[in-house]
């Protein structure tokens, strides 16, 4: 029950965060209780599934934080406030000083980071193991909350910050 309450706190924090770093911290807080739910109360292959879940999400988190830092530097921000960063990126984009290759790289990092969390093909191989080995309550929370948070992050951060790169990547995204 304590793990579910920590997970709930992380989920609520992720949805109300107006700061990229705060969002990242809450987003990561959600992963720890899920790791322990799978690893402690899961089925026979629970430790394999928990470690696979952890490693995949760790890689996705690394891509996310690097992308968030890149947004900060590209926007010339003084803080990680979403409003300030969005205005900074939009101003550079409108002025024509933000190269398309930079937009695509940052968008790609966010896309892959959130794509692992969603999970989107081909980054989805951790999901069957996690669902199979998780206890019933953990599997329901995984499907009902964690997977939706990846989509939320993608729609909340990646698409609005880099709409031109998202438009170019749309066929790939739809295909995956």
N, C-alpha and C. Protein backbone atom coordinates (compact mmCIF):
# COMPACT_ATOMS: atom_id res chain seq x y z
N UNK A 1 0.83 -1.19 0.00
CA UNK A 1 0.00 0.00 0.00
C UNK A 1 0.87 1.25 0.00
N UNK A 2 1.97 1.20 0.72
CA UNK A 2 2.89 2.35 0.73
C UNK A 2 3.44 2.62 -0.66
N UNK A 3 3.79 1.56 -1.38
CA UNK A 3 4.31 1.73 -2.74
C UNK A 3 3.25 2.36 -3.65
N UNK A 4 2.01 1.95 -3.49
CA UNK A 4 0.93 2.52 -4.31
C UNK A 4 0.75 4.00 -3.99
N UNK A 5 0.88 4.37 -2.72
CA UNK A 5 0.75 5.79 -2.35
C UNK A 5 1.92 6.62 -2.91
N UNK A 6 3.12 6.08 -2.89
CA UNK A 6 4.26 6.78 -3.49
C UNK A 6 4.05 6.91 -4.99
N UNK A 7 3.57 5.86 -5.61
CA UNK A 7 3.28 5.88 -7.04
C UNK A 7 2.22 6.95 -7.35
N UNK A 8 1.21 7.03 -6.53
CA UNK A 8 0.15 8.02 -6.71
C UNK A 8 0.70 9.44 -6.58
N UNK A 9 1.57 9.65 -5.61
CA UNK A 9 2.19 10.96 -5.42
C UNK A 9 3.00 11.35 -6.65
N UNK A 10 3.78 10.42 -7.16
CA UNK A 10 4.58 10.70 -8.35
C UNK A 10 3.71 10.98 -9.56
N UNK A 11 2.62 10.26 -9.68
CA UNK A 11 1.71 10.46 -10.81
C UNK A 11 1.09 11.86 -10.74
N UNK A 12 0.57 12.22 -9.58
CA UNK A 12 -0.04 13.55 -9.46
C UNK A 12 0.98 14.65 -9.69
N UNK A 13 2.18 14.47 -9.15
CA UNK A 13 3.23 15.46 -9.35
C UNK A 13 3.60 15.61 -10.82
N UNK A 14 3.63 14.51 -11.54
CA UNK A 14 3.95 14.56 -12.97
C UNK A 14 2.90 15.34 -13.74
N UNK A 15 1.65 15.18 -13.37
CA UNK A 15 0.59 15.83 -14.12
C UNK A 15 0.44 17.32 -13.79
N UNK A 16 0.90 17.76 -12.63
CA UNK A 16 0.76 19.17 -12.27
C UNK A 16 2.05 19.96 -12.42
N UNK A 17 3.16 19.31 -12.70
CA UNK A 17 4.44 20.00 -12.79
C UNK A 17 4.45 20.99 -13.96
N UNK A 18 4.94 22.18 -13.69
CA UNK A 18 5.09 23.21 -14.71
C UNK A 18 6.57 23.48 -14.99
N UNK A 19 7.41 22.57 -14.54
CA UNK A 19 8.85 22.70 -14.64
C UNK A 19 9.39 21.37 -15.16
N UNK A 20 10.27 21.41 -16.15
CA UNK A 20 10.77 20.16 -16.75
C UNK A 20 11.51 19.28 -15.75
N UNK A 21 12.32 19.86 -14.89
CA UNK A 21 13.08 19.06 -13.93
C UNK A 21 12.15 18.48 -12.88
N UNK A 22 11.19 19.26 -12.42
CA UNK A 22 10.22 18.75 -11.46
C UNK A 22 9.40 17.61 -12.07
N UNK A 23 9.00 17.78 -13.32
CA UNK A 23 8.30 16.71 -14.03
C UNK A 23 9.18 15.46 -14.08
N UNK A 24 10.43 15.63 -14.41
CA UNK A 24 11.36 14.49 -14.52
C UNK A 24 11.48 13.77 -13.18
N UNK A 25 11.62 14.52 -12.10
CA UNK A 25 11.76 13.90 -10.76
C UNK A 25 10.51 13.10 -10.42
N UNK A 26 9.34 13.69 -10.59
CA UNK A 26 8.10 12.96 -10.29
C UNK A 26 7.91 11.77 -11.21
N UNK A 27 8.28 11.93 -12.47
CA UNK A 27 8.16 10.84 -13.43
C UNK A 27 9.02 9.67 -13.01
N UNK A 28 10.20 9.95 -12.48
CA UNK A 28 11.09 8.88 -12.02
C UNK A 28 10.63 8.28 -10.70
N UNK A 29 10.01 9.08 -9.85
CA UNK A 29 9.49 8.57 -8.57
C UNK A 29 8.48 7.46 -8.82
N UNK A 30 7.73 7.57 -9.89
CA UNK A 30 6.71 6.58 -10.22
C UNK A 30 7.34 5.22 -10.56
N UNK A 31 8.52 5.23 -11.12
CA UNK A 31 9.13 3.98 -11.57
C UNK A 31 9.64 3.11 -10.42
N UNK A 32 10.08 3.72 -9.35
CA UNK A 32 10.63 2.94 -8.24
C UNK A 32 9.61 2.02 -7.57
N UNK A 33 8.42 2.50 -7.21
CA UNK A 33 7.44 1.58 -6.62
C UNK A 33 7.07 0.43 -7.57
N UNK A 34 6.99 0.73 -8.87
CA UNK A 34 6.65 -0.31 -9.83
C UNK A 34 7.75 -1.37 -9.89
N UNK A 35 8.99 -0.92 -9.84
CA UNK A 35 10.12 -1.85 -9.83
C UNK A 35 10.01 -2.80 -8.62
N UNK A 36 9.72 -2.25 -7.46
CA UNK A 36 9.62 -3.09 -6.26
C UNK A 36 8.39 -3.97 -6.28
N UNK A 37 7.28 -3.48 -6.83
CA UNK A 37 6.09 -4.33 -6.93
C UNK A 37 6.36 -5.55 -7.79
N UNK A 38 7.02 -5.34 -8.91
CA UNK A 38 7.34 -6.47 -9.80
C UNK A 38 8.39 -7.35 -9.16
N UNK A 39 9.46 -6.75 -8.63
CA UNK A 39 10.59 -7.50 -8.12
C UNK A 39 10.34 -8.27 -6.84
N UNK A 40 9.44 -7.79 -6.00
CA UNK A 40 9.19 -8.45 -4.71
C UNK A 40 7.96 -9.35 -4.76
N UNK A 41 6.87 -8.87 -5.35
CA UNK A 41 5.62 -9.63 -5.31
C UNK A 41 5.23 -10.25 -6.65
N UNK A 42 6.12 -10.25 -7.59
CA UNK A 42 5.81 -10.79 -8.91
C UNK A 42 5.89 -12.30 -8.97
N UNK A 43 5.81 -12.82 -10.19
CA UNK A 43 5.83 -14.27 -10.43
C UNK A 43 7.23 -14.85 -10.36
N UNK A 44 7.40 -16.00 -10.99
CA UNK A 44 8.66 -16.74 -10.91
C UNK A 44 9.83 -15.98 -11.52
N UNK A 45 9.63 -15.31 -12.62
CA UNK A 45 10.70 -14.57 -13.29
C UNK A 45 10.66 -13.08 -12.92
N UNK A 46 10.22 -12.78 -11.72
CA UNK A 46 10.01 -11.40 -11.30
C UNK A 46 11.28 -10.56 -11.31
N UNK A 47 12.39 -11.13 -10.91
CA UNK A 47 13.62 -10.34 -10.84
C UNK A 47 14.12 -10.00 -12.25
N UNK A 48 14.02 -10.94 -13.16
CA UNK A 48 14.39 -10.67 -14.55
C UNK A 48 13.50 -9.56 -15.11
N UNK A 49 12.21 -9.66 -14.89
CA UNK A 49 11.27 -8.66 -15.42
C UNK A 49 11.51 -7.29 -14.78
N UNK A 50 11.77 -7.27 -13.48
CA UNK A 50 12.00 -6.00 -12.79
C UNK A 50 13.28 -5.33 -13.27
N UNK A 51 14.33 -6.10 -13.46
CA UNK A 51 15.59 -5.53 -13.93
C UNK A 51 15.46 -5.05 -15.37
N UNK A 52 14.77 -5.82 -16.20
CA UNK A 52 14.56 -5.41 -17.59
C UNK A 52 13.74 -4.12 -17.63
N UNK A 53 12.69 -4.04 -16.82
CA UNK A 53 11.88 -2.83 -16.71
C UNK A 53 12.75 -1.65 -16.28
N UNK A 54 13.58 -1.87 -15.28
CA UNK A 54 14.43 -0.80 -14.76
C UNK A 54 15.44 -0.33 -15.80
N UNK A 55 16.10 -1.25 -16.49
CA UNK A 55 17.12 -0.87 -17.46
C UNK A 55 16.52 -0.12 -18.65
N UNK A 56 15.41 -0.60 -19.16
CA UNK A 56 14.76 0.09 -20.28
C UNK A 56 14.34 1.51 -19.87
N UNK A 57 13.69 1.61 -18.73
CA UNK A 57 13.22 2.93 -18.30
C UNK A 57 14.38 3.84 -17.92
N UNK A 58 15.47 3.27 -17.44
CA UNK A 58 16.66 4.07 -17.14
C UNK A 58 17.22 4.68 -18.43
N UNK A 59 17.28 3.88 -19.48
CA UNK A 59 17.75 4.39 -20.77
C UNK A 59 16.82 5.49 -21.29
N UNK A 60 15.52 5.27 -21.17
CA UNK A 60 14.55 6.29 -21.58
C UNK A 60 14.68 7.56 -20.76
N UNK A 61 14.95 7.40 -19.47
CA UNK A 61 15.13 8.57 -18.60
C UNK A 61 16.37 9.35 -18.99
N UNK A 62 17.44 8.65 -19.35
CA UNK A 62 18.66 9.33 -19.77
C UNK A 62 18.42 10.16 -21.02
N UNK A 63 17.67 9.59 -21.97
CA UNK A 63 17.35 10.35 -23.18
C UNK A 63 16.48 11.56 -22.87
N UNK A 64 15.54 11.38 -21.95
CA UNK A 64 14.67 12.50 -21.57
C UNK A 64 15.45 13.63 -20.93
N UNK A 65 16.32 13.32 -19.97
CA UNK A 65 17.03 14.39 -19.25
C UNK A 65 18.00 15.10 -20.19
N UNK A 66 18.64 14.38 -21.08
CA UNK A 66 19.53 15.03 -22.05
C UNK A 66 18.72 15.95 -22.96
N UNK A 67 17.55 15.50 -23.39
CA UNK A 67 16.69 16.35 -24.22
C UNK A 67 16.20 17.57 -23.46
N UNK A 68 15.85 17.40 -22.19
CA UNK A 68 15.40 18.53 -21.39
C UNK A 68 16.52 19.55 -21.21
N UNK A 69 17.74 19.07 -20.99
CA UNK A 69 18.88 19.98 -20.87
C UNK A 69 19.13 20.71 -22.19
N UNK A 70 18.99 19.99 -23.30
CA UNK A 70 19.17 20.61 -24.61
C UNK A 70 18.13 21.70 -24.84
N UNK A 71 16.89 21.45 -24.43
CA UNK A 71 15.83 22.47 -24.56
C UNK A 71 16.22 23.70 -23.74
N UNK A 72 16.72 23.48 -22.54
CA UNK A 72 17.12 24.59 -21.67
C UNK A 72 18.19 25.45 -22.36
N UNK A 73 19.20 24.80 -22.92
CA UNK A 73 20.28 25.55 -23.55
C UNK A 73 19.85 26.20 -24.87
N UNK A 74 19.03 25.50 -25.63
CA UNK A 74 18.55 26.06 -26.90
C UNK A 74 17.67 27.28 -26.64
N UNK A 75 16.82 27.19 -25.62
CA UNK A 75 15.90 28.28 -25.32
C UNK A 75 16.60 29.45 -24.63
N UNK A 76 17.81 29.21 -24.14
CA UNK A 76 18.51 30.27 -23.40
C UNK A 76 17.79 30.60 -22.12
N UNK A 77 17.23 29.58 -21.49
CA UNK A 77 16.41 29.78 -20.30
C UNK A 77 17.19 30.11 -19.05
N UNK A 78 16.51 30.78 -18.14
CA UNK A 78 17.06 31.04 -16.81
C UNK A 78 16.54 30.02 -15.81
N UNK A 79 15.47 29.35 -16.19
CA UNK A 79 14.88 28.32 -15.33
C UNK A 79 14.34 27.21 -16.24
N UNK A 80 13.84 26.19 -15.62
CA UNK A 80 13.27 25.08 -16.38
C UNK A 80 11.74 25.20 -16.48
N UNK A 81 11.23 26.38 -16.24
CA UNK A 81 9.79 26.63 -16.34
C UNK A 81 9.32 26.35 -17.77
N UNK A 82 8.26 25.59 -17.88
CA UNK A 82 7.74 25.24 -19.20
C UNK A 82 7.35 26.46 -20.01
N UNK A 83 6.76 27.45 -19.37
CA UNK A 83 6.33 28.65 -20.08
C UNK A 83 7.54 29.38 -20.64
N UNK A 84 8.58 29.57 -19.82
CA UNK A 84 9.78 30.27 -20.27
C UNK A 84 10.48 29.52 -21.39
N UNK A 85 10.60 28.21 -21.25
CA UNK A 85 11.28 27.41 -22.26
C UNK A 85 10.51 27.39 -23.57
N UNK A 86 9.19 27.28 -23.49
CA UNK A 86 8.37 27.29 -24.70
C UNK A 86 8.49 28.63 -25.43
N UNK A 87 8.50 29.72 -24.67
CA UNK A 87 8.66 31.04 -25.29
C UNK A 87 10.04 31.19 -25.91
N UNK A 88 11.07 30.69 -25.23
CA UNK A 88 12.43 30.78 -25.76
C UNK A 88 12.61 29.98 -27.04
N UNK A 89 12.07 28.77 -27.07
CA UNK A 89 12.17 27.93 -28.27
C UNK A 89 11.37 28.55 -29.40
N UNK A 90 10.17 29.05 -29.10
CA UNK A 90 9.34 29.67 -30.13
C UNK A 90 10.01 30.92 -30.70
N UNK A 91 10.64 31.71 -29.84
CA UNK A 91 11.31 32.92 -30.31
C UNK A 91 12.48 32.57 -31.23
N UNK A 92 13.26 31.57 -30.87
CA UNK A 92 14.38 31.15 -31.73
C UNK A 92 13.86 30.55 -33.03
N UNK A 93 12.76 29.82 -32.95
CA UNK A 93 12.18 29.21 -34.15
C UNK A 93 11.63 30.30 -35.09
N UNK A 94 10.93 31.29 -34.52
CA UNK A 94 10.37 32.37 -35.33
C UNK A 94 11.46 33.23 -35.95
N UNK A 95 12.56 33.40 -35.24
CA UNK A 95 13.66 34.21 -35.75
C UNK A 95 14.50 33.45 -36.77
N UNK A 96 14.26 32.17 -36.89
CA UNK A 96 15.00 31.36 -37.85
C UNK A 96 16.39 30.98 -37.38
N UNK A 97 16.66 31.13 -36.07
CA UNK A 97 17.99 30.81 -35.55
C UNK A 97 18.06 29.41 -34.95
N UNK A 98 16.97 28.70 -34.98
CA UNK A 98 16.96 27.33 -34.46
C UNK A 98 16.99 26.37 -35.65
N UNK A 99 18.12 25.72 -35.83
CA UNK A 99 18.30 24.84 -36.98
C UNK A 99 17.35 23.66 -36.91
N UNK A 100 16.88 23.24 -38.06
CA UNK A 100 15.96 22.10 -38.14
C UNK A 100 16.63 20.85 -37.58
N UNK A 101 17.91 20.67 -37.84
CA UNK A 101 18.60 19.49 -37.32
C UNK A 101 18.61 19.47 -35.80
N UNK A 102 18.73 20.63 -35.17
CA UNK A 102 18.68 20.72 -33.71
C UNK A 102 17.30 20.33 -33.20
N UNK A 103 16.28 20.86 -33.85
CA UNK A 103 14.90 20.52 -33.47
C UNK A 103 14.66 19.02 -33.58
N UNK A 104 15.10 18.44 -34.68
CA UNK A 104 14.87 17.01 -34.91
C UNK A 104 15.62 16.17 -33.89
N UNK A 105 16.84 16.55 -33.57
CA UNK A 105 17.61 15.79 -32.57
C UNK A 105 16.97 15.84 -31.19
N UNK A 106 16.57 17.03 -30.76
CA UNK A 106 15.95 17.16 -29.44
C UNK A 106 14.60 16.45 -29.42
N UNK A 107 13.82 16.66 -30.45
CA UNK A 107 12.53 15.97 -30.55
C UNK A 107 12.73 14.46 -30.57
N UNK A 108 13.73 14.00 -31.31
CA UNK A 108 14.02 12.56 -31.37
C UNK A 108 14.40 11.99 -30.02
N UNK A 109 15.17 12.74 -29.24
CA UNK A 109 15.51 12.28 -27.89
C UNK A 109 14.29 12.16 -27.00
N UNK A 110 13.42 13.18 -27.07
CA UNK A 110 12.18 13.11 -26.29
C UNK A 110 11.28 11.99 -26.79
N UNK A 111 11.20 11.85 -28.11
CA UNK A 111 10.37 10.81 -28.69
C UNK A 111 10.81 9.43 -28.24
N UNK A 112 12.11 9.18 -28.30
CA UNK A 112 12.60 7.86 -27.86
C UNK A 112 12.43 7.67 -26.36
N UNK A 113 12.73 8.71 -25.57
CA UNK A 113 12.57 8.61 -24.12
C UNK A 113 11.14 8.31 -23.72
N UNK A 114 10.21 9.07 -24.28
CA UNK A 114 8.80 8.83 -23.97
C UNK A 114 8.29 7.57 -24.66
N UNK A 115 8.85 7.25 -25.83
CA UNK A 115 8.45 6.03 -26.54
C UNK A 115 8.77 4.77 -25.75
N UNK A 116 9.87 4.79 -25.02
CA UNK A 116 10.21 3.64 -24.16
C UNK A 116 9.20 3.55 -23.02
N UNK A 117 8.78 4.67 -22.49
CA UNK A 117 7.84 4.67 -21.37
C UNK A 117 6.42 4.31 -21.80
N UNK A 118 6.07 4.56 -23.08
CA UNK A 118 4.68 4.35 -23.52
C UNK A 118 4.23 2.89 -23.42
N UNK A 119 4.82 1.89 -23.86
CA UNK A 119 5.96 1.62 -24.71
C UNK A 119 5.54 1.50 -26.16
N UNK A 120 6.35 2.03 -27.01
CA UNK A 120 6.09 2.07 -28.44
C UNK A 120 7.07 1.12 -29.15
N UNK A 121 6.60 0.48 -30.18
CA UNK A 121 7.46 -0.38 -30.98
C UNK A 121 8.63 0.44 -31.50
N UNK A 122 9.82 0.01 -31.47
CA UNK A 122 10.40 -1.27 -31.06
C UNK A 122 10.94 -1.26 -29.63
N UNK A 123 10.51 -0.29 -28.82
CA UNK A 123 11.02 -0.16 -27.45
C UNK A 123 10.11 -0.83 -26.43
N UNK A 124 9.31 -1.76 -26.84
CA UNK A 124 8.25 -2.31 -26.02
C UNK A 124 8.57 -3.66 -25.39
N UNK A 125 9.73 -4.20 -25.61
CA UNK A 125 9.97 -5.60 -25.21
C UNK A 125 10.00 -5.80 -23.70
N UNK A 126 10.10 -4.73 -22.91
CA UNK A 126 10.05 -4.88 -21.47
C UNK A 126 8.62 -5.11 -20.98
N UNK A 127 7.65 -4.67 -21.75
CA UNK A 127 6.25 -4.69 -21.30
C UNK A 127 5.68 -6.09 -21.08
N UNK A 128 5.81 -7.04 -21.99
CA UNK A 128 5.22 -8.36 -21.74
C UNK A 128 5.77 -9.02 -20.48
N UNK A 129 7.08 -8.90 -20.27
CA UNK A 129 7.67 -9.48 -19.06
C UNK A 129 7.13 -8.79 -17.81
N UNK A 130 7.06 -7.47 -17.84
CA UNK A 130 6.57 -6.73 -16.67
C UNK A 130 5.12 -7.09 -16.37
N UNK A 131 4.28 -7.15 -17.38
CA UNK A 131 2.87 -7.49 -17.15
C UNK A 131 2.70 -8.93 -16.68
N UNK A 132 3.45 -9.82 -17.28
CA UNK A 132 3.31 -11.23 -16.93
C UNK A 132 3.76 -11.51 -15.51
N UNK A 133 4.84 -10.88 -15.09
CA UNK A 133 5.42 -11.17 -13.79
C UNK A 133 4.89 -10.29 -12.66
N UNK A 134 4.29 -9.18 -12.99
CA UNK A 134 3.76 -8.28 -11.95
C UNK A 134 2.56 -8.92 -11.26
N UNK A 135 2.36 -8.60 -9.98
CA UNK A 135 1.11 -9.03 -9.35
C UNK A 135 -0.07 -8.34 -10.04
N UNK A 136 -1.25 -8.85 -9.84
CA UNK A 136 -2.43 -8.32 -10.55
C UNK A 136 -2.59 -6.82 -10.34
N UNK A 137 -2.47 -6.35 -9.11
CA UNK A 137 -2.61 -4.91 -8.84
C UNK A 137 -1.51 -4.11 -9.54
N UNK A 138 -0.31 -4.64 -9.55
CA UNK A 138 0.79 -3.97 -10.23
C UNK A 138 0.58 -3.91 -11.73
N UNK A 139 0.05 -4.96 -12.31
CA UNK A 139 -0.21 -4.99 -13.74
C UNK A 139 -1.30 -3.99 -14.11
N UNK A 140 -2.31 -3.87 -13.27
CA UNK A 140 -3.39 -2.90 -13.52
C UNK A 140 -2.85 -1.48 -13.44
N UNK A 141 -2.03 -1.20 -12.44
CA UNK A 141 -1.45 0.14 -12.29
C UNK A 141 -0.50 0.44 -13.44
N UNK A 142 0.26 -0.55 -13.84
CA UNK A 142 1.19 -0.38 -14.96
C UNK A 142 0.42 -0.01 -16.22
N UNK A 143 -0.65 -0.74 -16.51
CA UNK A 143 -1.43 -0.47 -17.72
C UNK A 143 -2.24 0.81 -17.60
N UNK A 144 -2.79 1.06 -16.43
CA UNK A 144 -3.71 2.18 -16.25
C UNK A 144 -3.05 3.52 -16.00
N UNK A 145 -1.82 3.51 -15.48
CA UNK A 145 -1.19 4.78 -15.10
C UNK A 145 0.14 5.00 -15.81
N UNK A 146 1.08 4.11 -15.60
CA UNK A 146 2.44 4.34 -16.08
C UNK A 146 2.52 4.49 -17.59
N UNK A 147 1.82 3.64 -18.31
CA UNK A 147 1.90 3.71 -19.77
C UNK A 147 1.29 5.01 -20.29
N UNK A 148 0.29 5.51 -19.61
CA UNK A 148 -0.36 6.75 -20.04
C UNK A 148 0.52 7.96 -19.74
N UNK A 149 1.37 7.86 -18.73
CA UNK A 149 2.24 8.98 -18.39
C UNK A 149 3.26 9.25 -19.49
N UNK A 150 3.73 8.21 -20.15
CA UNK A 150 4.65 8.40 -21.27
C UNK A 150 3.98 9.16 -22.41
N UNK A 151 2.75 8.80 -22.71
CA UNK A 151 2.00 9.50 -23.75
C UNK A 151 1.74 10.95 -23.34
N UNK A 152 1.39 11.15 -22.08
CA UNK A 152 1.16 12.51 -21.58
C UNK A 152 2.42 13.36 -21.75
N UNK A 153 3.57 12.84 -21.37
CA UNK A 153 4.81 13.59 -21.51
C UNK A 153 5.11 13.95 -22.94
N UNK A 154 4.85 13.00 -23.83
CA UNK A 154 5.07 13.25 -25.25
C UNK A 154 4.16 14.36 -25.76
N UNK A 155 2.88 14.28 -25.43
CA UNK A 155 1.91 15.27 -25.89
C UNK A 155 2.11 16.61 -25.19
N UNK A 156 2.52 16.58 -23.94
CA UNK A 156 2.67 17.81 -23.15
C UNK A 156 3.96 18.56 -23.47
N UNK A 157 5.04 17.83 -23.75
CA UNK A 157 6.33 18.49 -23.91
C UNK A 157 6.89 18.42 -25.33
N UNK A 158 7.01 17.24 -25.89
CA UNK A 158 7.68 17.08 -27.18
C UNK A 158 6.92 17.75 -28.32
N UNK A 159 5.63 17.51 -28.41
CA UNK A 159 4.85 18.07 -29.53
C UNK A 159 4.74 19.60 -29.49
N UNK A 160 4.40 20.21 -28.34
CA UNK A 160 4.27 21.67 -28.35
C UNK A 160 5.60 22.41 -28.52
N UNK A 161 6.69 21.85 -28.00
CA UNK A 161 7.97 22.54 -28.10
C UNK A 161 8.54 22.51 -29.51
N UNK A 162 8.34 21.40 -30.21
CA UNK A 162 8.93 21.24 -31.54
C UNK A 162 7.88 20.76 -32.55
N UNK A 163 6.91 21.62 -32.85
CA UNK A 163 5.83 21.20 -33.76
C UNK A 163 6.30 20.92 -35.19
N UNK A 164 7.32 21.64 -35.66
CA UNK A 164 7.80 21.43 -37.02
C UNK A 164 8.49 20.07 -37.12
N UNK A 165 9.31 19.74 -36.13
CA UNK A 165 9.98 18.43 -36.12
C UNK A 165 8.94 17.33 -35.96
N UNK A 166 7.91 17.58 -35.15
CA UNK A 166 6.85 16.58 -34.96
C UNK A 166 6.09 16.35 -36.26
N UNK A 167 5.88 17.42 -37.00
CA UNK A 167 5.19 17.28 -38.29
C UNK A 167 6.00 16.45 -39.26
N UNK A 168 7.31 16.66 -39.26
CA UNK A 168 8.16 15.87 -40.16
C UNK A 168 8.23 14.40 -39.72
N UNK A 169 8.16 14.16 -38.42
CA UNK A 169 8.25 12.79 -37.90
C UNK A 169 6.91 12.09 -37.85
N UNK A 170 5.82 12.78 -38.19
CA UNK A 170 4.47 12.21 -38.07
C UNK A 170 4.30 10.88 -38.80
N UNK A 171 4.77 10.71 -40.04
CA UNK A 171 4.60 9.40 -40.68
C UNK A 171 5.30 8.28 -39.91
N UNK A 172 6.49 8.56 -39.40
CA UNK A 172 7.21 7.54 -38.60
C UNK A 172 6.46 7.23 -37.32
N UNK A 173 5.97 8.26 -36.65
CA UNK A 173 5.24 8.08 -35.39
C UNK A 173 3.98 7.26 -35.64
N UNK A 174 3.24 7.59 -36.68
CA UNK A 174 2.02 6.86 -36.98
C UNK A 174 2.34 5.40 -37.34
N UNK A 175 3.42 5.22 -38.06
CA UNK A 175 3.83 3.86 -38.43
C UNK A 175 4.19 3.01 -37.22
N UNK A 176 4.88 3.62 -36.28
CA UNK A 176 5.27 2.86 -35.08
C UNK A 176 4.08 2.65 -34.17
